[in-house]
Amino acid sequence: MAPAMTMALAVAGSKWRFAAVSVCLLVVMAMLAESSAAGMCNPNALYPCLRAIQGARPPPPSAQCCMVVRRADKNCMCAQLRSSSFPAQMVNNGLQLPKKCGRTDLGGFRCGRYIFPK
């Protein structure tokens, strides 16, 4: 087989593997979102929102993030935001997620020393 053809097949194979891994990752993330929706307190439930809570000016939450936020149990979400794994900036950004995602029932809900904005 010619070296160029071998290289083309290798690249095509790696793209296929990348696509398969990506699909698997999406399925796992959807399962995590569903477990959070069922009221189970999953420590990884906010994973789809990670980009939306990082930094001083995070991007808007994704549709998948908002789906998780709208379905999350408020006490579970509060516990995740208050965990020691999130720095203060991320907690403050996380408190904004319900409002950004159109969830109104958390406005004014006290989460430890934090309060979800109205």
C-alpha atoms as a PDB file:
ATOM      1  CA  MET A   1       0.000   0.000   0.000  1.00  0.00           C
ATOM      2  CA  ALA A   2       1.310   3.497  -0.802  1.00  0.00           C
ATOM      3  CA  PRO A   3       2.467   5.580   2.194  1.00  0.00           C
ATOM      4  CA  ALA A   4       0.000   8.381   1.345  1.00  0.00           C
ATOM      5  CA  MET A   5      -2.919   5.937   1.318  1.00  0.00           C
ATOM      6  CA  THR A   6      -1.799   4.382   4.600  1.00  0.00           C
ATOM      7  CA  MET A   7      -1.605   7.862   6.144  1.00  0.00           C
ATOM      8  CA  ALA A   8      -5.091   8.750   4.810  1.00  0.00           C
ATOM      9  CA  LEU A   9      -6.566   5.572   6.299  1.00  0.00           C
ATOM     10  CA  ALA A  10      -4.887   6.273   9.651  1.00  0.00           C
ATOM     11  CA  VAL A  11      -6.292   9.828   9.726  1.00  0.00           C
ATOM     12  CA  ALA A  12      -9.778   8.593   8.794  1.00  0.00           C
ATOM     13  CA  GLY A  13      -9.564   5.955  11.527  1.00  0.00           C
ATOM     14  CA  SER A  14      -8.517   8.488  14.157  1.00  0.00           C
ATOM     15  CA  LYS A  15     -11.379  10.797  13.162  1.00  0.00           C
ATOM     16  CA  TRP A  16     -13.786   7.871  13.543  1.00  0.00           C
ATOM     17  CA  ARG A  17     -12.404   7.035  16.995  1.00  0.00           C
ATOM     18  CA  PHE A  18     -12.656  10.708  18.019  1.00  0.00           C
ATOM     19  CA  ALA A  19     -16.283  10.827  16.856  1.00  0.00           C
ATOM     20  CA  ALA A  20     -17.111   7.610  18.722  1.00  0.00           C
ATOM     21  CA  VAL A  21     -15.509   8.891  21.935  1.00  0.00           C
ATOM     22  CA  SER A  22     -17.358  12.206  21.558  1.00  0.00           C
ATOM     23  CA  VAL A  23     -20.703  10.441  21.191  1.00  0.00           C
ATOM     24  CA  CYS A  24     -19.971   8.290  24.249  1.00  0.00           C
ATOM     25  CA  LEU A  25     -19.051  11.390  26.258  1.00  0.00           C
ATOM     26  CA  LEU A  26     -22.318  13.086  25.269  1.00  0.00           C
ATOM     27  CA  VAL A  27     -24.307  10.009  26.307  1.00  0.00           C
ATOM     28  CA  VAL A  28     -22.576   9.921  29.707  1.00  0.00           C
ATOM     29  CA  MET A  29     -23.190  13.648  30.216  1.00  0.00           C
ATOM     30  CA  ALA A  30     -26.863  13.191  29.338  1.00  0.00           C
ATOM     31  CA  MET A  31     -27.094  10.335  31.840  1.00  0.00           C
ATOM     32  CA  LEU A  32     -25.552  12.571  34.490  1.00  0.00           C
ATOM     33  CA  ALA A  33     -28.089  15.262  33.715  1.00  0.00           C
ATOM     34  CA  GLU A  34     -30.927  12.755  33.974  1.00  0.00           C
ATOM     35  CA  SER A  35     -29.685  11.449  37.322  1.00  0.00           C
ATOM     36  CA  SER A  36     -29.602  15.010  38.600  1.00  0.00           C
ATOM     37  CA  ALA A  37     -33.105  15.541  37.257  1.00  0.00           C
ATOM     38  CA  ALA A  38     -34.305  12.531  39.207  1.00  0.00           C
ATOM     39  CA  GLY A  39     -33.234  14.252  42.426  1.00  0.00           C
ATOM     40  CA  MET A  40     -30.043  12.290  43.011  1.00  0.00           C
ATOM     41  CA  CYS A  41     -27.222  14.553  44.103  1.00  0.00           C
ATOM     42  CA  ASN A  42     -24.558  13.772  41.554  1.00  0.00           C
ATOM     43  CA  PRO A  43     -21.252  15.604  42.166  1.00  0.00           C
ATOM     44  CA  ASN A  44     -20.685  15.824  38.398  1.00  0.00           C
ATOM     45  CA  ALA A  45     -24.152  17.103  37.485  1.00  0.00           C
ATOM     46  CA  LEU A  46     -22.934  20.649  36.850  1.00  0.00           C
ATOM     47  CA  TYR A  47     -20.161  19.455  34.533  1.00  0.00           C
ATOM     48  CA  PRO A  48     -22.003  20.671  31.402  1.00  0.00           C
ATOM     49  CA  CYS A  49     -21.975  24.156  32.985  1.00  0.00           C
ATOM     50  CA  LEU A  50     -18.256  24.300  33.696  1.00  0.00           C
ATOM     51  CA  ARG A  51     -17.471  26.797  30.921  1.00  0.00           C
ATOM     52  CA  ALA A  52     -20.380  29.018  32.006  1.00  0.00           C
ATOM     53  CA  ILE A  53     -19.029  29.441  35.543  1.00  0.00           C
ATOM     54  CA  GLN A  54     -15.296  29.870  34.869  1.00  0.00           C
ATOM     55  CA  GLY A  55     -13.560  33.230  34.823  1.00  0.00           C
ATOM     56  CA  ALA A  56     -14.534  36.837  35.356  1.00  0.00           C
ATOM     57  CA  ARG A  57     -16.665  36.979  32.187  1.00  0.00           C
ATOM     58  CA  PRO A  58     -17.871  33.465  31.403  1.00  0.00           C
ATOM     59  CA  PRO A  59     -19.778  32.720  28.187  1.00  0.00           C
ATOM     60  CA  PRO A  60     -23.562  32.232  28.376  1.00  0.00           C
ATOM     61  CA  PRO A  61     -24.653  28.770  29.544  1.00  0.00           C
ATOM     62  CA  SER A  62     -25.169  26.180  26.824  1.00  0.00           C
ATOM     63  CA  ALA A  63     -28.535  24.571  26.124  1.00  0.00           C
ATOM     64  CA  GLN A  64     -27.304  21.384  27.815  1.00  0.00           C
ATOM     65  CA  CYS A  65     -26.186  23.359  30.869  1.00  0.00           C
ATOM     66  CA  CYS A  66     -29.584  25.052  31.123  1.00  0.00           C
ATOM     67  CA  MET A  67     -31.318  21.696  30.829  1.00  0.00           C
ATOM     68  CA  VAL A  68     -29.320  20.473  33.850  1.00  0.00           C
ATOM     69  CA  VAL A  69     -29.963  23.683  35.802  1.00  0.00           C
ATOM     70  CA  ARG A  70     -33.703  23.642  35.130  1.00  0.00           C
ATOM     71  CA  ARG A  71     -34.003  20.033  36.300  1.00  0.00           C
ATOM     72  CA  ALA A  72     -31.561  20.082  39.227  1.00  0.00           C
ATOM     73  CA  ASP A  73     -32.782  19.760  42.791  1.00  0.00           C
ATOM     74  CA  LYS A  74     -32.157  23.131  44.461  1.00  0.00           C
ATOM     75  CA  ASN A  75     -30.564  21.631  47.574  1.00  0.00           C
ATOM     76  CA  CYS A  76     -28.286  19.459  45.454  1.00  0.00           C
ATOM     77  CA  MET A  77     -27.298  22.412  43.277  1.00  0.00           C
ATOM     78  CA  CYS A  78     -26.612  24.455  46.388  1.00  0.00           C
ATOM     79  CA  ALA A  79     -24.448  21.683  47.868  1.00  0.00           C
ATOM     80  CA  GLN A  80     -22.441  21.442  44.637  1.00  0.00           C
ATOM     81  CA  LEU A  81     -21.843  25.178  44.485  1.00  0.00           C
ATOM     82  CA  ARG A  82     -20.808  25.311  48.140  1.00  0.00           C
ATOM     83  CA  SER A  83     -18.382  22.416  47.855  1.00  0.00           C
ATOM     84  CA  SER A  84     -14.747  23.181  48.504  1.00  0.00           C
ATOM     85  CA  SER A  85     -13.882  22.260  44.917  1.00  0.00           C
ATOM     86  CA  PHE A  86     -15.258  25.547  43.533  1.00  0.00           C
ATOM     87  CA  PRO A  87     -13.430  28.850  44.104  1.00  0.00           C
ATOM     88  CA  ALA A  88     -15.536  31.898  45.073  1.00  0.00           C
ATOM     89  CA  GLN A  89     -15.644  33.303  41.508  1.00  0.00           C
ATOM     90  CA  MET A  90     -17.105  30.047  40.199  1.00  0.00           C
ATOM     91  CA  VAL A  91     -19.685  29.949  43.003  1.00  0.00           C
ATOM     92  CA  ASN A  92     -20.773  33.503  42.208  1.00  0.00           C
ATOM     93  CA  ASN A  93     -21.046  32.634  38.504  1.00  0.00           C
ATOM     94  CA  GLY A  94     -22.897  29.427  39.380  1.00  0.00           C
ATOM     95  CA  LEU A  95     -25.445  31.356  41.412  1.00  0.00           C
ATOM     96  CA  GLN A  96     -26.302  33.283  38.227  1.00  0.00           C
ATOM     97  CA  LEU A  97     -27.055  30.143  36.199  1.00  0.00           C
ATOM     98  CA  PRO A  98     -30.714  29.661  37.221  1.00  0.00           C
ATOM     99  CA  LYS A  99     -31.554  33.238  36.266  1.00  0.00           C
ATOM    100  CA  LYS A 100     -29.622  32.964  32.976  1.00  0.00           C
ATOM    101  CA  CYS A 101     -31.425  29.710  32.188  1.00  0.00           C
ATOM    102  CA  GLY A 102     -34.899  31.041  32.976  1.00  0.00           C
ATOM    103  CA  ARG A 103     -35.409  29.173  36.236  1.00  0.00           C
ATOM    104  CA  THR A 104     -37.311  31.557  38.493  1.00  0.00           C
ATOM    105  CA  ASP A 105     -38.075  29.387  41.535  1.00  0.00           C
ATOM    106  CA  LEU A 106     -34.563  29.766  42.959  1.00  0.00           C
ATOM    107  CA  GLY A 107     -34.624  33.576  43.137  1.00  0.00           C
ATOM    108  CA  GLY A 108     -33.962  34.511  46.759  1.00  0.00           C
ATOM    109  CA  PHE A 109     -33.195  30.903  47.815  1.00  0.00           C
ATOM    110  CA  ARG A 110     -30.519  30.924  50.522  1.00  0.00           C
ATOM    111  CA  CYS A 111     -27.569  28.648  49.843  1.00  0.00           C
ATOM    112  CA  GLY A 112     -25.403  28.835  52.943  1.00  0.00           C
ATOM    113  CA  ARG A 113     -23.998  32.348  52.957  1.00  0.00           C
ATOM    114  CA  TYR A 114     -25.032  32.791  49.315  1.00  0.00           C
ATOM    115  CA  ILE A 115     -28.413  33.786  47.908  1.00  0.00           C
ATOM    116  CA  PHE A 116     -29.558  33.008  44.366  1.00  0.00           C
ATOM    117  CA  PRO A 117     -30.398  36.312  42.629  1.00  0.00           C
ATOM    118  CA  LYS A 118     -33.974  37.099  41.609  1.00  0.00           C
END
